């Protein structure tokens, strides 16, 4: 699972094994370990609605079950949505299949 973040978007790209894990377990997670042992954990999970949260060292992105079922079992490459933020602007969530890993 690859994670890309900028000031207005979170992009998660899943490989074949990540997609299989998401189908079987309802979530997939990864972690980045920094020198000194600190960790950033990021997780994609299937839930009731689109959501993104950050708690200390944990980023969690949730996608709704109905949308994930359709996406996981089709040729559709991505799911995208926009979440309203406190500042009045939006956070873009993009979850996509990694074409290079699916071949």
N, C-alpha and C. Protein backbone atom coordinates (compact mmCIF):
# COMPACT_ATOMS: atom_id res chain seq x y z
N UNK A 1 0.85 -1.17 0.00
CA UNK A 1 0.00 0.00 0.00
C UNK A 1 0.90 1.23 0.00
N UNK A 2 0.59 2.14 -0.90
CA UNK A 2 1.36 3.37 -1.01
C UNK A 2 0.50 4.54 -0.54
N UNK A 3 1.12 5.45 0.17
CA UNK A 3 0.43 6.61 0.72
C UNK A 3 1.07 7.87 0.17
N UNK A 4 0.22 8.79 -0.27
CA UNK A 4 0.71 10.08 -0.76
C UNK A 4 -0.19 11.16 -0.14
N UNK A 5 0.44 12.13 0.49
CA UNK A 5 -0.30 13.18 1.19
C UNK A 5 0.20 14.54 0.74
N UNK A 6 -0.72 15.48 0.55
CA UNK A 6 -0.34 16.88 0.41
C UNK A 6 -1.35 17.72 1.18
N UNK A 7 -1.31 19.02 1.04
CA UNK A 7 -2.13 19.89 1.87
C UNK A 7 -3.63 19.70 1.71
N UNK A 8 -4.07 19.13 0.59
CA UNK A 8 -5.51 19.00 0.37
C UNK A 8 -5.96 17.62 -0.06
N UNK A 9 -5.06 16.62 0.00
CA UNK A 9 -5.50 15.30 -0.44
C UNK A 9 -4.72 14.17 0.24
N UNK A 10 -5.41 13.04 0.32
CA UNK A 10 -4.81 11.78 0.76
C UNK A 10 -5.06 10.80 -0.38
N UNK A 11 -3.99 10.20 -0.86
CA UNK A 11 -4.09 9.24 -1.96
C UNK A 11 -3.50 7.92 -1.49
N UNK A 12 -4.27 6.86 -1.63
CA UNK A 12 -3.83 5.53 -1.25
C UNK A 12 -3.90 4.65 -2.49
N UNK A 13 -2.79 3.97 -2.78
CA UNK A 13 -2.73 3.09 -3.94
C UNK A 13 -2.48 1.66 -3.44
N UNK A 14 -3.35 0.76 -3.86
CA UNK A 14 -3.29 -0.63 -3.40
C UNK A 14 -2.78 -1.57 -4.49
N UNK A 15 -1.88 -2.45 -4.10
CA UNK A 15 -1.42 -3.51 -4.97
C UNK A 15 -2.34 -4.72 -4.85
N UNK A 16 -2.01 -5.75 -5.60
CA UNK A 16 -2.83 -6.97 -5.64
C UNK A 16 -3.01 -7.59 -4.25
N UNK A 17 -1.92 -7.72 -3.48
CA UNK A 17 -2.02 -8.31 -2.14
C UNK A 17 -2.83 -7.44 -1.20
N UNK A 18 -2.69 -6.13 -1.31
CA UNK A 18 -3.46 -5.21 -0.48
C UNK A 18 -4.96 -5.35 -0.77
N UNK A 19 -5.30 -5.46 -2.04
CA UNK A 19 -6.71 -5.61 -2.43
C UNK A 19 -7.27 -6.90 -1.88
N UNK A 20 -6.50 -7.98 -1.96
CA UNK A 20 -6.95 -9.26 -1.42
C UNK A 20 -7.15 -9.17 0.09
N UNK A 21 -6.24 -8.53 0.79
CA UNK A 21 -6.37 -8.37 2.24
C UNK A 21 -7.59 -7.53 2.60
N UNK A 22 -7.84 -6.48 1.85
CA UNK A 22 -9.01 -5.64 2.09
C UNK A 22 -10.29 -6.43 1.89
N UNK A 23 -10.33 -7.26 0.85
CA UNK A 23 -11.50 -8.12 0.59
C UNK A 23 -11.72 -9.11 1.73
N UNK A 24 -10.65 -9.75 2.19
CA UNK A 24 -10.76 -10.81 3.19
C UNK A 24 -10.96 -10.30 4.61
N UNK A 25 -10.30 -9.20 4.96
CA UNK A 25 -10.31 -8.76 6.36
C UNK A 25 -11.01 -7.43 6.61
N UNK A 26 -11.39 -6.73 5.55
CA UNK A 26 -12.07 -5.45 5.71
C UNK A 26 -11.15 -4.29 6.01
N UNK A 27 -9.85 -4.55 6.03
CA UNK A 27 -8.89 -3.47 6.25
C UNK A 27 -7.51 -3.91 5.78
N UNK A 28 -6.67 -2.92 5.56
CA UNK A 28 -5.27 -3.16 5.22
C UNK A 28 -4.48 -2.03 5.88
N UNK A 29 -3.33 -2.37 6.46
CA UNK A 29 -2.55 -1.35 7.16
C UNK A 29 -1.08 -1.51 6.84
N UNK A 30 -0.38 -0.44 7.05
CA UNK A 30 1.06 -0.43 6.83
C UNK A 30 1.66 0.55 7.82
N UNK A 31 2.96 0.48 7.99
CA UNK A 31 3.60 1.43 8.89
C UNK A 31 4.96 1.83 8.34
N UNK A 32 5.31 3.04 8.67
CA UNK A 32 6.61 3.59 8.32
C UNK A 32 7.37 3.77 9.63
N UNK A 33 8.53 3.13 9.74
CA UNK A 33 9.33 3.23 10.96
C UNK A 33 10.47 4.22 10.70
N UNK A 34 10.57 5.21 11.57
CA UNK A 34 11.59 6.24 11.45
C UNK A 34 12.82 5.85 12.26
N UNK A 35 13.97 6.45 11.94
CA UNK A 35 15.14 6.25 12.80
C UNK A 35 14.77 6.68 14.22
N UNK A 36 15.15 5.90 15.19
CA UNK A 36 14.76 6.17 16.57
C UNK A 36 13.55 5.35 17.00
N UNK A 37 12.90 4.67 16.03
CA UNK A 37 11.82 3.76 16.39
C UNK A 37 10.41 4.32 16.31
N UNK A 38 10.23 5.62 16.09
CA UNK A 38 8.88 6.16 15.98
C UNK A 38 8.21 5.58 14.73
N UNK A 39 6.87 5.43 14.79
CA UNK A 39 6.13 4.82 13.69
C UNK A 39 4.98 5.72 13.26
N UNK A 40 4.72 5.71 11.97
CA UNK A 40 3.50 6.26 11.41
C UNK A 40 2.73 5.08 10.85
N UNK A 41 1.56 4.83 11.40
CA UNK A 41 0.71 3.74 10.93
C UNK A 41 -0.40 4.34 10.08
N UNK A 42 -0.65 3.73 8.92
CA UNK A 42 -1.77 4.17 8.10
C UNK A 42 -2.59 2.95 7.71
N UNK A 43 -3.91 3.16 7.73
CA UNK A 43 -4.84 2.05 7.57
C UNK A 43 -5.99 2.48 6.68
N UNK A 44 -6.39 1.58 5.78
CA UNK A 44 -7.60 1.75 4.98
C UNK A 44 -8.57 0.68 5.46
N UNK A 45 -9.79 1.11 5.78
CA UNK A 45 -10.77 0.14 6.26
C UNK A 45 -12.12 0.37 5.59
N UNK A 46 -12.91 -0.68 5.59
CA UNK A 46 -14.26 -0.62 5.07
C UNK A 46 -15.19 -0.36 6.25
N UNK A 47 -16.08 0.62 6.09
CA UNK A 47 -17.00 0.98 7.17
C UNK A 47 -18.31 1.50 6.63
N UNK A 48 -18.92 2.41 7.39
CA UNK A 48 -20.23 2.91 7.03
C UNK A 48 -20.23 4.09 6.09
N UNK A 49 -19.17 4.91 6.14
CA UNK A 49 -19.14 6.12 5.31
C UNK A 49 -17.69 6.53 5.07
N UNK A 50 -17.53 7.49 4.18
CA UNK A 50 -16.20 8.05 3.95
C UNK A 50 -15.77 8.82 5.19
N UNK A 51 -14.52 8.60 5.59
CA UNK A 51 -14.02 9.29 6.78
C UNK A 51 -12.49 9.25 6.76
N UNK A 52 -11.90 10.27 7.34
CA UNK A 52 -10.44 10.29 7.52
C UNK A 52 -10.16 10.87 8.88
N UNK A 53 -9.24 10.22 9.62
CA UNK A 53 -8.90 10.73 10.95
C UNK A 53 -7.41 10.53 11.21
N UNK A 54 -6.91 11.38 12.07
CA UNK A 54 -5.51 11.32 12.47
C UNK A 54 -5.47 11.39 13.98
N UNK A 55 -4.85 10.40 14.60
CA UNK A 55 -4.70 10.35 16.06
C UNK A 55 -3.26 10.00 16.36
N UNK A 56 -2.52 10.94 16.89
CA UNK A 56 -1.11 10.80 17.20
C UNK A 56 -0.37 10.29 15.96
N UNK A 57 -0.01 9.04 15.91
CA UNK A 57 0.77 8.48 14.80
C UNK A 57 -0.06 7.57 13.90
N UNK A 58 -1.39 7.70 13.95
CA UNK A 58 -2.26 6.78 13.21
C UNK A 58 -3.19 7.55 12.28
N UNK A 59 -3.07 7.27 10.98
CA UNK A 59 -3.98 7.81 9.98
C UNK A 59 -4.92 6.69 9.57
N UNK A 60 -6.22 6.96 9.65
CA UNK A 60 -7.22 5.96 9.26
C UNK A 60 -8.14 6.58 8.21
N UNK A 61 -8.26 5.88 7.08
CA UNK A 61 -9.19 6.28 6.03
C UNK A 61 -10.23 5.18 5.91
N UNK A 62 -11.50 5.59 5.91
CA UNK A 62 -12.60 4.63 5.82
C UNK A 62 -13.39 4.89 4.54
N UNK A 63 -13.73 3.81 3.86
CA UNK A 63 -14.59 3.90 2.68
C UNK A 63 -15.83 3.05 2.94
N UNK A 64 -16.99 3.47 2.41
CA UNK A 64 -18.23 2.73 2.66
C UNK A 64 -18.25 1.36 1.99
N UNK A 65 -18.92 0.44 2.65
CA UNK A 65 -18.97 -0.95 2.18
C UNK A 65 -19.57 -1.06 0.79
N UNK A 66 -20.69 -0.38 0.53
CA UNK A 66 -21.33 -0.52 -0.79
C UNK A 66 -20.41 -0.03 -1.91
N UNK A 67 -19.72 1.07 -1.70
CA UNK A 67 -18.79 1.58 -2.72
C UNK A 67 -17.57 0.68 -2.86
N UNK A 68 -17.07 0.18 -1.73
CA UNK A 68 -15.88 -0.68 -1.79
C UNK A 68 -16.20 -2.01 -2.47
N UNK A 69 -17.37 -2.58 -2.20
CA UNK A 69 -17.76 -3.83 -2.85
C UNK A 69 -17.79 -3.66 -4.36
N UNK A 70 -18.41 -2.58 -4.82
CA UNK A 70 -18.49 -2.30 -6.25
C UNK A 70 -17.09 -2.13 -6.84
N UNK A 71 -16.25 -1.37 -6.17
CA UNK A 71 -14.90 -1.07 -6.65
C UNK A 71 -14.00 -2.31 -6.65
N UNK A 72 -14.02 -3.06 -5.57
CA UNK A 72 -13.15 -4.23 -5.44
C UNK A 72 -13.48 -5.34 -6.43
N UNK A 73 -14.73 -5.43 -6.82
CA UNK A 73 -15.17 -6.53 -7.69
C UNK A 73 -15.45 -6.08 -9.12
N UNK A 74 -14.78 -5.02 -9.54
CA UNK A 74 -14.98 -4.53 -10.90
C UNK A 74 -13.65 -4.07 -11.49
N UNK A 75 -13.72 -3.58 -12.70
CA UNK A 75 -12.54 -3.02 -13.38
C UNK A 75 -12.33 -1.56 -13.00
N UNK A 76 -13.23 -1.02 -12.20
CA UNK A 76 -13.13 0.38 -11.77
C UNK A 76 -11.79 0.58 -11.07
N UNK A 77 -11.06 1.65 -11.43
CA UNK A 77 -9.72 1.86 -10.90
C UNK A 77 -9.65 2.65 -9.61
N UNK A 78 -10.63 3.53 -9.36
CA UNK A 78 -10.48 4.41 -8.20
C UNK A 78 -11.82 4.77 -7.57
N UNK A 79 -11.73 5.14 -6.31
CA UNK A 79 -12.83 5.74 -5.57
C UNK A 79 -12.34 7.10 -5.11
N UNK A 80 -13.13 8.12 -5.35
CA UNK A 80 -12.73 9.46 -4.94
C UNK A 80 -13.91 10.17 -4.29
N UNK A 81 -13.62 10.92 -3.25
CA UNK A 81 -14.64 11.73 -2.59
C UNK A 81 -13.99 12.97 -2.00
N UNK A 82 -14.81 13.89 -1.59
CA UNK A 82 -14.32 15.12 -0.94
C UNK A 82 -15.00 15.23 0.41
N UNK A 83 -14.20 15.50 1.44
CA UNK A 83 -14.71 15.69 2.79
C UNK A 83 -14.55 17.15 3.19
N UNK A 84 -15.60 17.73 3.72
CA UNK A 84 -15.53 19.12 4.14
C UNK A 84 -14.66 19.25 5.38
N UNK A 85 -13.80 20.28 5.39
CA UNK A 85 -12.94 20.54 6.54
C UNK A 85 -13.44 21.79 7.27
N UNK A 86 -12.91 22.00 8.47
CA UNK A 86 -13.32 23.14 9.28
C UNK A 86 -13.06 24.47 8.60
N UNK A 87 -12.02 24.57 7.80
CA UNK A 87 -11.66 25.83 7.17
C UNK A 87 -12.60 26.21 6.03
N UNK A 88 -13.59 25.37 5.75
CA UNK A 88 -14.52 25.64 4.67
C UNK A 88 -14.07 25.08 3.33
N UNK A 89 -12.89 24.50 3.29
CA UNK A 89 -12.45 23.86 2.05
C UNK A 89 -12.61 22.35 2.17
N UNK A 90 -12.01 21.60 1.26
CA UNK A 90 -12.24 20.17 1.22
C UNK A 90 -10.94 19.37 1.26
N UNK A 91 -11.06 18.18 1.82
CA UNK A 91 -9.99 17.19 1.79
C UNK A 91 -10.40 16.13 0.77
N UNK A 92 -9.57 15.90 -0.23
CA UNK A 92 -9.86 14.91 -1.26
C UNK A 92 -9.29 13.57 -0.83
N UNK A 93 -10.12 12.54 -0.87
CA UNK A 93 -9.69 11.16 -0.61
C UNK A 93 -9.72 10.41 -1.94
N UNK A 94 -8.61 9.79 -2.27
CA UNK A 94 -8.53 9.01 -3.50
C UNK A 94 -7.92 7.66 -3.15
N UNK A 95 -8.65 6.59 -3.44
CA UNK A 95 -8.17 5.23 -3.21
C UNK A 95 -8.19 4.56 -4.58
N UNK A 96 -7.03 4.02 -4.97
CA UNK A 96 -6.94 3.47 -6.32
C UNK A 96 -6.18 2.16 -6.37
N UNK A 97 -6.43 1.43 -7.42
CA UNK A 97 -5.71 0.20 -7.68
C UNK A 97 -4.43 0.54 -8.43
N UNK A 98 -3.33 -0.12 -8.05
CA UNK A 98 -2.04 0.09 -8.69
C UNK A 98 -1.99 -0.75 -9.97
N UNK A 99 -2.08 -0.12 -11.11
CA UNK A 99 -2.10 -0.84 -12.39
C UNK A 99 -0.85 -1.67 -12.61
N UNK A 100 0.30 -1.17 -12.20
CA UNK A 100 1.55 -1.90 -12.42
C UNK A 100 1.59 -3.21 -11.62
N UNK A 101 0.94 -3.22 -10.47
CA UNK A 101 0.96 -4.41 -9.62
C UNK A 101 -0.16 -5.40 -9.99
N UNK A 102 -1.13 -4.98 -10.77
CA UNK A 102 -2.25 -5.85 -11.09
C UNK A 102 -1.99 -6.71 -12.33
N UNK A 103 -0.98 -6.40 -13.08
CA UNK A 103 -0.73 -7.12 -14.34
C UNK A 103 -0.07 -8.46 -14.09
